[in-house]
Protein backbone atom coordinates (compact mmCIF):
# COMPACT_ATOMS: atom_id res chain seq x y z
CA UNK A 1 80.99 -10.53 8.88
CA UNK A 2 78.75 -7.65 10.17
CA UNK A 3 75.96 -8.57 11.82
CA UNK A 4 72.27 -7.06 9.98
CA UNK A 5 70.98 -4.27 11.74
CA UNK A 6 67.82 -4.30 14.22
CA UNK A 7 64.44 -3.11 11.78
CA UNK A 8 62.28 -1.31 14.30
CA UNK A 9 59.00 -1.58 13.11
CA UNK A 10 56.95 2.17 12.21
CA UNK A 11 53.89 2.63 14.20
CA UNK A 12 50.35 3.07 12.43
CA UNK A 13 49.35 5.44 11.41
CA UNK A 14 46.10 6.90 13.00
CA UNK A 15 42.91 6.15 11.09
CA UNK A 16 40.89 8.68 9.76
CA UNK A 17 38.16 9.90 11.99
CA UNK A 18 34.63 9.19 11.24
CA UNK A 19 33.21 11.29 8.57
CA UNK A 20 29.92 13.22 10.19
CA UNK A 21 26.63 12.11 8.64
CA UNK A 22 25.87 14.12 5.66
CA UNK A 23 22.48 15.92 5.97
CA UNK A 24 20.02 14.56 3.51
CA UNK A 25 19.33 16.66 0.44
CA UNK A 26 15.76 18.81 1.49
CA UNK A 27 14.13 18.49 -2.10
CA UNK A 28 10.17 18.94 -2.88
CA UNK A 29 10.04 15.13 -3.00
CA UNK A 30 11.95 14.74 0.46
CA UNK A 31 9.38 17.11 1.89
CA UNK A 32 6.37 14.60 0.52
CA UNK A 33 7.34 11.77 1.90
CA UNK A 34 8.04 13.64 4.97
CA UNK A 35 4.46 15.07 5.55
CA UNK A 36 3.23 11.84 4.61
CA UNK A 37 5.34 9.38 6.95
CA UNK A 38 4.18 11.58 9.64
CA UNK A 39 0.47 12.27 8.96
CA UNK A 40 -2.14 9.00 10.48
CA UNK A 41 -4.79 10.16 7.84
CA UNK A 42 -4.59 11.07 3.95
CA UNK A 43 -3.34 14.52 2.90
CA UNK A 44 -5.53 16.01 0.24
CA UNK A 45 -2.51 17.33 -2.51
CA UNK A 46 -3.63 21.15 -1.40
CA UNK A 47 -3.47 20.66 1.96
CA UNK A 48 0.46 18.86 0.57
CA UNK A 49 0.97 22.06 -1.46
CA UNK A 50 0.03 24.13 0.85
CA UNK A 51 3.19 22.21 3.07
CA UNK A 52 5.68 22.85 0.58
CA UNK A 53 4.48 26.36 -0.12
CA UNK A 54 4.06 26.49 -3.71
CA UNK A 55 3.09 24.18 -6.55
CA UNK A 56 -0.11 21.94 -7.84
CA UNK A 57 -1.87 19.53 -7.35
CA UNK A 58 -0.46 18.03 -10.04
CA UNK A 59 2.94 18.25 -9.14
CA UNK A 60 2.35 16.43 -5.94
CA UNK A 61 1.00 13.72 -8.22
CA UNK A 62 4.57 13.48 -9.84
CA UNK A 63 6.18 13.67 -7.05
CA UNK A 64 4.25 10.88 -5.44
CA UNK A 65 4.58 8.57 -8.79
CA UNK A 66 8.71 9.31 -8.59
CA UNK A 67 8.48 8.00 -4.67
CA UNK A 68 6.37 5.60 -5.38
CA UNK A 69 8.23 4.06 -7.87
CA UNK A 70 11.49 4.26 -6.03
CA UNK A 71 9.78 2.23 -3.52
CA UNK A 72 9.55 -0.09 -6.13
CA UNK A 73 12.99 -0.53 -7.42
CA UNK A 74 13.97 -0.80 -3.49
CA UNK A 75 11.21 -2.99 -2.74
CA UNK A 76 9.88 -1.18 -0.30
CA UNK A 77 6.92 -2.81 1.65
CA UNK A 78 4.95 0.17 0.93
CA UNK A 79 3.58 2.81 -1.46
CA UNK A 80 1.84 5.83 -1.71
CA UNK A 81 -1.87 5.75 -2.03
CA UNK A 82 -5.09 7.36 -3.44
CA UNK A 83 -7.67 7.12 -0.48
CA UNK A 84 -10.51 9.09 0.36
CA UNK A 85 -9.19 11.64 -1.61
CA UNK A 86 -5.91 12.25 -0.47
CA UNK A 87 -2.58 10.29 0.00
CA UNK A 88 -1.63 8.05 2.89
CA UNK A 89 1.36 5.52 2.96
CA UNK A 90 0.56 1.73 3.22
CA UNK A 91 1.79 -1.00 3.29
CA UNK A 92 1.76 -3.74 1.09
CA UNK A 93 -0.88 -5.99 0.67
CA UNK A 94 1.55 -9.16 0.78
CA UNK A 95 2.60 -8.57 4.42
CA UNK A 96 -1.30 -8.41 5.33
CA UNK A 97 -0.79 -11.83 7.21
CA UNK A 98 1.45 -10.57 9.22
CA UNK A 99 0.57 -6.96 10.75
CA UNK A 100 -3.23 -8.89 11.31
CA UNK A 101 -1.15 -10.25 14.42
CA UNK A 102 0.72 -7.81 15.29
CA UNK A 103 -2.91 -5.76 15.16
CA UNK A 104 -4.99 -8.86 16.90
CA UNK A 105 -4.68 -7.75 20.09
CA UNK A 106 -6.47 -4.53 19.21
CA UNK A 107 -10.42 -6.12 19.32
CA UNK A 108 -12.37 -2.75 20.15
CA UNK A 109 -12.40 -1.78 16.94
CA UNK A 110 -12.77 -4.72 15.30
CA UNK A 111 -16.19 -5.38 13.53
CA UNK A 112 -18.76 -8.69 13.96
CA UNK A 113 -19.67 -10.04 10.83
CA UNK A 114 -23.00 -8.96 11.39
CA UNK A 115 -21.21 -5.56 11.59
CA UNK A 116 -19.58 -6.33 8.54
CA UNK A 117 -22.43 -7.32 6.83
CA UNK A 118 -24.67 -4.31 7.92
CA UNK A 119 -21.89 -1.67 6.31
CA UNK A 120 -20.94 -3.83 3.20
CA UNK A 121 -25.56 -3.46 2.66
CA UNK A 122 -24.71 0.59 3.56
CA UNK A 123 -21.87 1.08 1.22
CA UNK A 124 -24.03 -0.46 -1.35
CA UNK A 125 -27.55 0.75 -0.93
CA UNK A 126 -26.97 4.27 0.53
CA UNK A 127 -28.38 6.00 0.78
CA UNK A 128 -30.41 3.40 2.79
CA UNK A 129 -32.78 3.77 5.50
CA UNK A 130 -32.88 1.02 8.62
CA UNK A 131 -35.52 -0.79 7.90
CA UNK A 132 -34.25 -1.66 4.17
CA UNK A 133 -31.11 -3.18 5.81
CA UNK A 134 -33.04 -5.43 7.91
CA UNK A 135 -35.04 -6.53 5.00
CA UNK A 136 -31.95 -7.55 3.46
CA UNK A 137 -30.67 -9.33 6.54
CA UNK A 138 -33.80 -10.41 8.01
CA UNK A 139 -33.16 -9.20 11.57
CA UNK A 140 -32.79 -6.06 14.08
CA UNK A 141 -30.31 -4.30 13.27
CA UNK A 142 -30.89 -1.13 15.63
CA UNK A 143 -27.88 -1.39 17.69
CA UNK A 144 -25.21 -2.18 14.89
CA UNK A 145 -25.80 0.68 13.01
CA UNK A 146 -25.54 2.62 16.54
CA UNK A 147 -22.07 0.45 16.33
CA UNK A 148 -21.18 1.68 13.58
CA UNK A 149 -21.51 4.92 13.75
CA UNK A 150 -19.63 5.22 17.28
CA UNK A 151 -16.49 3.91 15.01
CA UNK A 152 -17.70 6.60 12.57
CA UNK A 153 -17.92 4.39 9.80
CA UNK A 154 -21.94 5.07 9.18
CA UNK A 155 -23.35 8.50 9.62
CA UNK A 156 -26.78 9.78 9.05
CA UNK A 157 -27.17 11.58 5.59
CA UNK A 158 -31.07 12.85 5.71
CA UNK A 159 -34.10 11.70 6.03
CA UNK A 160 -36.61 9.74 3.11
CA UNK A 161 -39.32 11.18 2.23
CA UNK A 162 -41.70 8.37 2.98
CA UNK A 163 -44.16 8.49 5.46
CA UNK A 164 -42.35 8.77 8.98
CA UNK A 165 -39.40 10.46 7.13
CA UNK A 166 -37.36 7.64 8.59
CA UNK A 167 -33.33 8.49 8.28
CA UNK A 168 -31.16 7.41 5.98
CA UNK A 169 -27.75 5.96 6.51
CA UNK A 170 -24.64 6.61 4.45
CA UNK A 171 -20.88 5.64 4.80
CA UNK A 172 -17.98 8.04 6.07
CA UNK A 173 -14.45 9.79 4.74
CA UNK A 174 -13.09 7.54 7.99
CA UNK A 175 -14.57 4.43 5.73
CA UNK A 176 -13.15 4.77 2.62
CA UNK A 177 -9.91 5.66 4.53
CA UNK A 178 -10.89 2.07 7.17
CA UNK A 179 -10.71 0.03 3.50
CA UNK A 180 -8.22 1.90 1.57
CA UNK A 181 -10.59 3.67 -1.47
CA UNK A 182 -9.70 6.52 -3.18
CA UNK A 183 -14.28 6.89 -3.21
CA UNK A 184 -17.48 5.02 -3.22
CA UNK A 185 -16.70 4.28 -7.07
CA UNK A 186 -13.53 2.22 -6.04
CA UNK A 187 -15.92 -0.80 -4.32
CA UNK A 188 -15.47 -3.76 -5.89
CA UNK A 189 -19.11 -5.31 -8.00
CA UNK A 190 -20.92 -7.52 -6.23
CA UNK A 191 -20.77 -10.06 -8.46
CA UNK A 192 -16.35 -10.07 -7.27
CA UNK A 193 -18.47 -10.62 -3.90
CA UNK A 194 -19.15 -13.94 -4.32
CA UNK A 195 -17.83 -16.85 -2.59
CA UNK A 196 -16.24 -19.27 -5.76
CA UNK A 197 -18.09 -22.08 -5.20
CA UNK A 198 -21.26 -20.45 -5.69
CA UNK A 199 -20.62 -19.78 -8.94
CA UNK A 200 -19.03 -22.86 -9.90
CA UNK A 201 -22.31 -23.89 -8.67
CA UNK A 202 -24.68 -21.91 -10.88
CA UNK A 203 -22.53 -22.47 -13.99
CA UNK A 204 -22.64 -26.01 -13.14
CA UNK A 205 -26.24 -26.19 -12.99
CA UNK A 206 -28.96 -24.00 -15.06
CA UNK A 207 -31.76 -24.98 -12.24
CA UNK A 208 -32.33 -22.62 -9.45
CA UNK A 209 -30.33 -22.85 -5.82
CA UNK A 210 -31.63 -24.14 -3.25
CA UNK A 211 -28.90 -22.84 -1.34
CA UNK A 212 -29.97 -19.67 1.25
CA UNK A 213 -29.20 -16.15 -1.20
CA UNK A 214 -26.12 -14.32 1.03
CA UNK A 215 -25.22 -11.48 2.15
CA UNK A 216 -24.23 -10.17 -1.69
CA UNK A 217 -27.11 -12.12 -3.36
CA UNK A 218 -29.42 -9.87 -1.37
CA UNK A 219 -27.44 -6.91 -2.24
CA UNK A 220 -27.30 -6.89 -5.92
CA UNK A 221 -31.44 -8.32 -5.73
CA UNK A 222 -33.09 -5.54 -3.44
CA UNK A 223 -34.19 -2.73 -5.02
CA UNK A 224 -32.76 0.85 -5.01
CA UNK A 225 -33.68 3.29 -2.84
CA UNK A 226 -35.79 6.36 -4.85
């Protein structure tokens, strides 16, 4: 009887070395994405065209639309929005709750209720003088206006043609950037600022409400500056 031969196992073949990562294909679309990702403020289309070295504002818009479609398909947490006459990468509003936790320690730039109300009046009534703002709020606003000017949210835009020629106040480009607005035309209507409970109360009764008017009512009822 012949004994079976011992079969020796062959050593495993060495694994092929991993392929080096491929360099991403550089296109105008990817350049626009890279530029907007690295920018900390909105970039106007003309500036993006300058960086690309050619093209038009229409080309930039098409690149942005292509990127946003890609982000939507991937379920990305951000989009490219038109802000203050330019484009900027912004996180979606649905993530505000978590981002506010991240930014909760940055109290030095947070606005008080008084500052927010004053800023709202300036935004909706601009150009406006200090006396008109104080007439709406019912309190002095000198210090609040100074604080808003320090934060570059409000600026002096001229002087009113009345006795004493008081300064006229308006909002800045940074105001648009902070609140994610393409222009002042994108401000919500004053009616949209009315709390739902006030709307329901007004609909339930035709009698004049005895409740003190809110800031949104004061803005709507105040006469426009000449």
